[in-house]
Amino acid sequence: MNTPNKLTLARMIATPIFMATMLINFPCHYLISLILFIGASLTDMIDGKMARKYNLVTDFGKFLDPLADKFLVLGALLLAFLCLLALLLGVLGGLLGLLLVHLLHLLRRLDLNAHHDAGRAGRNGERGIAHVGGLLAEDRPQKTLFRRKFGL
């Protein structure tokens, strides 16, 4: 096995290590991942020049070199996609949480308004409008609202 093929195999081995160092959280893991990626990219350039300059081109190298390149680039793209997805889900999750809190607050306010309006309607026998669940319901005294609400 010649030197350009050994460099290609080293690139194949460096790809999963690069991906693992990117995903596992430890001090300076991004810096180590960057160094591994740059080193693997440089071995691609070096093994190609070396194989052509010293006439070390083999069928094994012709097959494995493009495959190793694709593994390295696809690994980097997959990690970039996962980072973007995590960022997007974090932002959307925060927005959905905020929306849920405001929706619950709005529903609570509507329910309190319904009880307030229903209590005011039953004082002097006049008719009032109660907001129940966002729907308007005309009622007389508070007992009528209770009966309609619970089917009595």
C-alpha atoms as a PDB file:
ATOM      1  CA  MET A   1       0.000   0.000   0.000  1.00  0.00           C
ATOM      2  CA  ASN A   2       1.511   3.314  -1.056  1.00  0.00           C
ATOM      3  CA  THR A   3       1.534   6.642   0.791  1.00  0.00           C
ATOM      4  CA  PRO A   4      -1.362   8.331  -1.107  1.00  0.00           C
ATOM      5  CA  ASN A   5      -3.623   5.350  -0.317  1.00  0.00           C
ATOM      6  CA  LYS A   6      -2.594   5.526   3.353  1.00  0.00           C
ATOM      7  CA  LEU A   7      -3.500   9.214   3.403  1.00  0.00           C
ATOM      8  CA  THR A   8      -6.884   8.383   1.860  1.00  0.00           C
ATOM      9  CA  LEU A   9      -7.506   5.728   4.511  1.00  0.00           C
ATOM     10  CA  ALA A  10      -6.496   8.228   7.203  1.00  0.00           C
ATOM     11  CA  ARG A  11      -9.113  10.624   5.797  1.00  0.00           C
ATOM     12  CA  MET A  12     -11.740   7.860   5.940  1.00  0.00           C
ATOM     13  CA  ILE A  13     -10.836   7.208   9.582  1.00  0.00           C
ATOM     14  CA  ALA A  14     -10.757  10.937  10.455  1.00  0.00           C
ATOM     15  CA  THR A  15     -14.306  11.547   9.184  1.00  0.00           C
ATOM     16  CA  PRO A  16     -16.245   9.742  11.973  1.00  0.00           C
ATOM     17  CA  ILE A  17     -13.791  11.114  14.554  1.00  0.00           C
ATOM     18  CA  PHE A  18     -14.444  14.630  13.219  1.00  0.00           C
ATOM     19  CA  MET A  19     -18.204  14.056  13.477  1.00  0.00           C
ATOM     20  CA  ALA A  20     -17.939  12.615  16.996  1.00  0.00           C
ATOM     21  CA  THR A  21     -15.832  15.523  18.257  1.00  0.00           C
ATOM     22  CA  MET A  22     -18.392  17.922  16.831  1.00  0.00           C
ATOM     23  CA  LEU A  23     -21.297  16.212  18.620  1.00  0.00           C
ATOM     24  CA  ILE A  24     -19.691  15.325  21.975  1.00  0.00           C
ATOM     25  CA  ASN A  25     -19.455  18.291  24.298  1.00  0.00           C
ATOM     26  CA  PHE A  26     -16.038  18.710  25.941  1.00  0.00           C
ATOM     27  CA  PRO A  27     -13.628  21.661  26.216  1.00  0.00           C
ATOM     28  CA  CYS A  28     -12.440  22.944  22.813  1.00  0.00           C
ATOM     29  CA  HIS A  29     -14.410  20.322  20.859  1.00  0.00           C
ATOM     30  CA  TYR A  30     -15.211  22.779  18.052  1.00  0.00           C
ATOM     31  CA  LEU A  31     -11.541  23.686  17.676  1.00  0.00           C
ATOM     32  CA  ILE A  32     -10.507  20.029  17.551  1.00  0.00           C
ATOM     33  CA  SER A  33     -13.233  19.330  14.974  1.00  0.00           C
ATOM     34  CA  LEU A  34     -12.027  22.232  12.847  1.00  0.00           C
ATOM     35  CA  ILE A  35      -8.421  21.004  12.993  1.00  0.00           C
ATOM     36  CA  LEU A  36      -9.516  17.478  12.025  1.00  0.00           C
ATOM     37  CA  PHE A  37     -11.588  18.780   9.108  1.00  0.00           C
ATOM     38  CA  ILE A  38      -8.778  21.001   7.807  1.00  0.00           C
ATOM     39  CA  GLY A  39      -6.271  18.157   8.214  1.00  0.00           C
ATOM     40  CA  ALA A  40      -8.517  15.722   6.344  1.00  0.00           C
ATOM     41  CA  SER A  41      -9.062  18.269   3.574  1.00  0.00           C
ATOM     42  CA  LEU A  42      -5.327  18.832   3.250  1.00  0.00           C
ATOM     43  CA  THR A  43      -4.660  15.082   2.974  1.00  0.00           C
ATOM     44  CA  ASP A  44      -7.007  15.069  -0.020  1.00  0.00           C
ATOM     45  CA  MET A  45      -4.894  17.670  -1.774  1.00  0.00           C
ATOM     46  CA  ILE A  46      -1.578  16.090  -0.756  1.00  0.00           C
ATOM     47  CA  ASP A  47      -2.416  12.501  -1.743  1.00  0.00           C
ATOM     48  CA  GLY A  48      -3.684  13.597  -5.163  1.00  0.00           C
ATOM     49  CA  LYS A  49      -0.572  15.625  -5.937  1.00  0.00           C
ATOM     50  CA  MET A  50       1.711  12.901  -4.597  1.00  0.00           C
ATOM     51  CA  ALA A  51       0.014  10.143  -6.604  1.00  0.00           C
ATOM     52  CA  ARG A  52       0.269  12.107  -9.849  1.00  0.00           C
ATOM     53  CA  LYS A  53       3.797  13.428  -9.268  1.00  0.00           C
ATOM     54  CA  TYR A  54       5.385  10.068  -8.363  1.00  0.00           C
ATOM     55  CA  ASN A  55       3.106   7.970 -10.612  1.00  0.00           C
ATOM     56  CA  LEU A  56       1.503   6.141  -7.674  1.00  0.00           C
ATOM     57  CA  VAL A  57      -2.014   6.075  -9.136  1.00  0.00           C
ATOM     58  CA  THR A  58      -3.790   2.775  -8.329  1.00  0.00           C
ATOM     59  CA  ASP A  59      -7.245   1.382  -8.963  1.00  0.00           C
ATOM     60  CA  PHE A  60      -7.765   1.231  -5.189  1.00  0.00           C
ATOM     61  CA  GLY A  61      -6.912   4.951  -4.908  1.00  0.00           C
ATOM     62  CA  LYS A  62      -9.131   5.848  -7.858  1.00  0.00           C
ATOM     63  CA  PHE A  63     -12.043   4.162  -6.101  1.00  0.00           C
ATOM     64  CA  LEU A  64     -11.378   5.142  -2.477  1.00  0.00           C
ATOM     65  CA  ASP A  65     -10.286   8.794  -2.876  1.00  0.00           C
ATOM     66  CA  PRO A  66     -13.622  10.128  -4.231  1.00  0.00           C
ATOM     67  CA  LEU A  67     -15.493   7.993  -1.700  1.00  0.00           C
ATOM     68  CA  ALA A  68     -13.477   9.443   1.188  1.00  0.00           C
ATOM     69  CA  ASP A  69     -14.122  12.954  -0.146  1.00  0.00           C
ATOM     70  CA  LYS A  70     -17.847  12.343  -0.257  1.00  0.00           C
ATOM     71  CA  PHE A  71     -17.892  10.917   3.281  1.00  0.00           C
ATOM     72  CA  LEU A  72     -16.058  13.951   4.649  1.00  0.00           C
ATOM     73  CA  VAL A  73     -18.217  16.519   2.872  1.00  0.00           C
ATOM     74  CA  LEU A  74     -21.489  14.714   3.609  1.00  0.00           C
ATOM     75  CA  GLY A  75     -20.507  14.377   7.273  1.00  0.00           C
ATOM     76  CA  ALA A  76     -19.867  18.127   7.472  1.00  0.00           C
ATOM     77  CA  LEU A  77     -23.157  18.906   5.699  1.00  0.00           C
ATOM     78  CA  LEU A  78     -25.068  16.554   7.989  1.00  0.00           C
ATOM     79  CA  LEU A  79     -23.613  18.266  11.052  1.00  0.00           C
ATOM     80  CA  ALA A  80     -24.453  21.686   9.621  1.00  0.00           C
ATOM     81  CA  PHE A  81     -28.024  20.529   8.968  1.00  0.00           C
ATOM     82  CA  LEU A  82     -28.361  19.171  12.510  1.00  0.00           C
ATOM     83  CA  CYS A  83     -27.066  22.442  13.988  1.00  0.00           C
ATOM     84  CA  LEU A  84     -29.474  24.454  11.857  1.00  0.00           C
ATOM     85  CA  LEU A  85     -32.355  22.155  12.789  1.00  0.00           C
ATOM     86  CA  ALA A  86     -31.549  22.453  16.496  1.00  0.00           C
ATOM     87  CA  LEU A  87     -31.393  26.226  16.194  1.00  0.00           C
ATOM     88  CA  LEU A  88     -34.660  26.358  14.282  1.00  0.00           C
ATOM     89  CA  LEU A  89     -36.433  24.060  16.736  1.00  0.00           C
ATOM     90  CA  GLY A  90     -35.116  26.110  19.651  1.00  0.00           C
ATOM     91  CA  VAL A  91     -36.434  29.344  18.168  1.00  0.00           C
ATOM     92  CA  LEU A  92     -39.762  27.825  17.109  1.00  0.00           C
ATOM     93  CA  GLY A  93     -40.113  26.049  20.440  1.00  0.00           C
ATOM     94  CA  GLY A  94     -39.594  29.332  22.259  1.00  0.00           C
ATOM     95  CA  LEU A  95     -42.122  31.106  20.058  1.00  0.00           C
ATOM     96  CA  LEU A  96     -44.664  28.313  20.476  1.00  0.00           C
ATOM     97  CA  GLY A  97     -44.179  28.392  24.244  1.00  0.00           C
ATOM     98  CA  LEU A  98     -44.689  32.144  24.293  1.00  0.00           C
ATOM     99  CA  LEU A  99     -47.797  31.813  22.136  1.00  0.00           C
ATOM    100  CA  LEU A 100     -49.189  29.111  24.451  1.00  0.00           C
ATOM    101  CA  VAL A 101     -48.652  31.281  27.534  1.00  0.00           C
ATOM    102  CA  HIS A 102     -50.461  34.210  25.903  1.00  0.00           C
ATOM    103  CA  LEU A 103     -53.282  31.975  24.694  1.00  0.00           C
ATOM    104  CA  LEU A 104     -53.810  30.541  28.177  1.00  0.00           C
ATOM    105  CA  HIS A 105     -53.772  34.048  29.634  1.00  0.00           C
ATOM    106  CA  LEU A 106     -56.362  35.178  27.048  1.00  0.00           C
ATOM    107  CA  LEU A 107     -58.632  32.198  27.771  1.00  0.00           C
ATOM    108  CA  ARG A 108     -58.411  32.872  31.502  1.00  0.00           C
ATOM    109  CA  ARG A 109     -59.349  36.526  30.951  1.00  0.00           C
ATOM    110  CA  LEU A 110     -62.329  35.518  28.782  1.00  0.00           C
ATOM    111  CA  ASP A 111     -63.518  33.115  31.457  1.00  0.00           C
ATOM    112  CA  LEU A 112     -63.226  35.788  34.158  1.00  0.00           C
ATOM    113  CA  ASN A 113     -65.132  38.255  31.954  1.00  0.00           C
ATOM    114  CA  ALA A 114     -67.877  35.686  31.459  1.00  0.00           C
ATOM    115  CA  HIS A 115     -68.334  35.216  35.207  1.00  0.00           C
ATOM    116  CA  HIS A 116     -68.223  38.971  35.799  1.00  0.00           C
ATOM    117  CA  ASP A 117     -70.824  39.730  33.104  1.00  0.00           C
ATOM    118  CA  ALA A 118     -73.067  36.867  34.214  1.00  0.00           C
ATOM    119  CA  GLY A 119     -73.019  38.124  37.801  1.00  0.00           C
ATOM    120  CA  ARG A 120     -73.845  41.666  36.715  1.00  0.00           C
ATOM    121  CA  ALA A 121     -76.742  40.446  34.529  1.00  0.00           C
ATOM    122  CA  GLY A 122     -78.548  38.753  37.397  1.00  0.00           C
ATOM    123  CA  ARG A 123     -78.658  41.732  39.790  1.00  0.00           C
ATOM    124  CA  ASN A 124     -81.760  43.649  38.762  1.00  0.00           C
ATOM    125  CA  GLY A 125     -83.289  41.050  36.495  1.00  0.00           C
ATOM    126  CA  GLU A 126     -81.879  42.715  33.394  1.00  0.00           C
ATOM    127  CA  ARG A 127     -80.420  40.766  30.525  1.00  0.00           C
ATOM    128  CA  GLY A 128     -76.654  40.610  30.082  1.00  0.00           C
ATOM    129  CA  ILE A 129     -74.184  39.134  27.623  1.00  0.00           C
ATOM    130  CA  ALA A 130     -71.671  36.589  28.833  1.00  0.00           C
ATOM    131  CA  HIS A 131     -68.515  35.672  26.928  1.00  0.00           C
ATOM    132  CA  VAL A 132     -68.126  31.940  27.398  1.00  0.00           C
ATOM    133  CA  GLY A 133     -65.258  30.365  25.492  1.00  0.00           C
ATOM    134  CA  GLY A 134     -65.259  33.231  23.002  1.00  0.00           C
ATOM    135  CA  LEU A 135     -68.959  32.755  22.162  1.00  0.00           C
ATOM    136  CA  LEU A 136     -71.617  35.254  23.032  1.00  0.00           C
ATOM    137  CA  ALA A 137     -74.491  33.915  25.066  1.00  0.00           C
ATOM    138  CA  GLU A 138     -77.445  36.006  26.146  1.00  0.00           C
ATOM    139  CA  ASP A 139     -78.744  35.051  29.566  1.00  0.00           C
ATOM    140  CA  ARG A 140     -80.956  36.224  32.362  1.00  0.00           C
ATOM    141  CA  PRO A 141     -79.876  35.500  35.876  1.00  0.00           C
ATOM    142  CA  GLN A 142     -76.753  33.590  36.767  1.00  0.00           C
ATOM    143  CA  LYS A 143     -78.711  30.368  37.372  1.00  0.00           C
ATOM    144  CA  THR A 144     -79.730  30.247  33.712  1.00  0.00           C
ATOM    145  CA  LEU A 145     -76.092  30.479  32.614  1.00  0.00           C
ATOM    146  CA  PHE A 146     -75.201  27.669  35.025  1.00  0.00           C
ATOM    147  CA  ARG A 147     -78.027  25.496  33.694  1.00  0.00           C
ATOM    148  CA  ARG A 148     -77.058  26.108  30.067  1.00  0.00           C
ATOM    149  CA  LYS A 149     -73.410  25.482  30.741  1.00  0.00           C
ATOM    150  CA  PHE A 150     -73.943  22.153  32.481  1.00  0.00           C
ATOM    151  CA  GLY A 151     -77.065  21.010  30.632  1.00  0.00           C
ATOM    152  CA  LEU A 152     -79.455  21.232  33.606  1.00  0.00           C
END
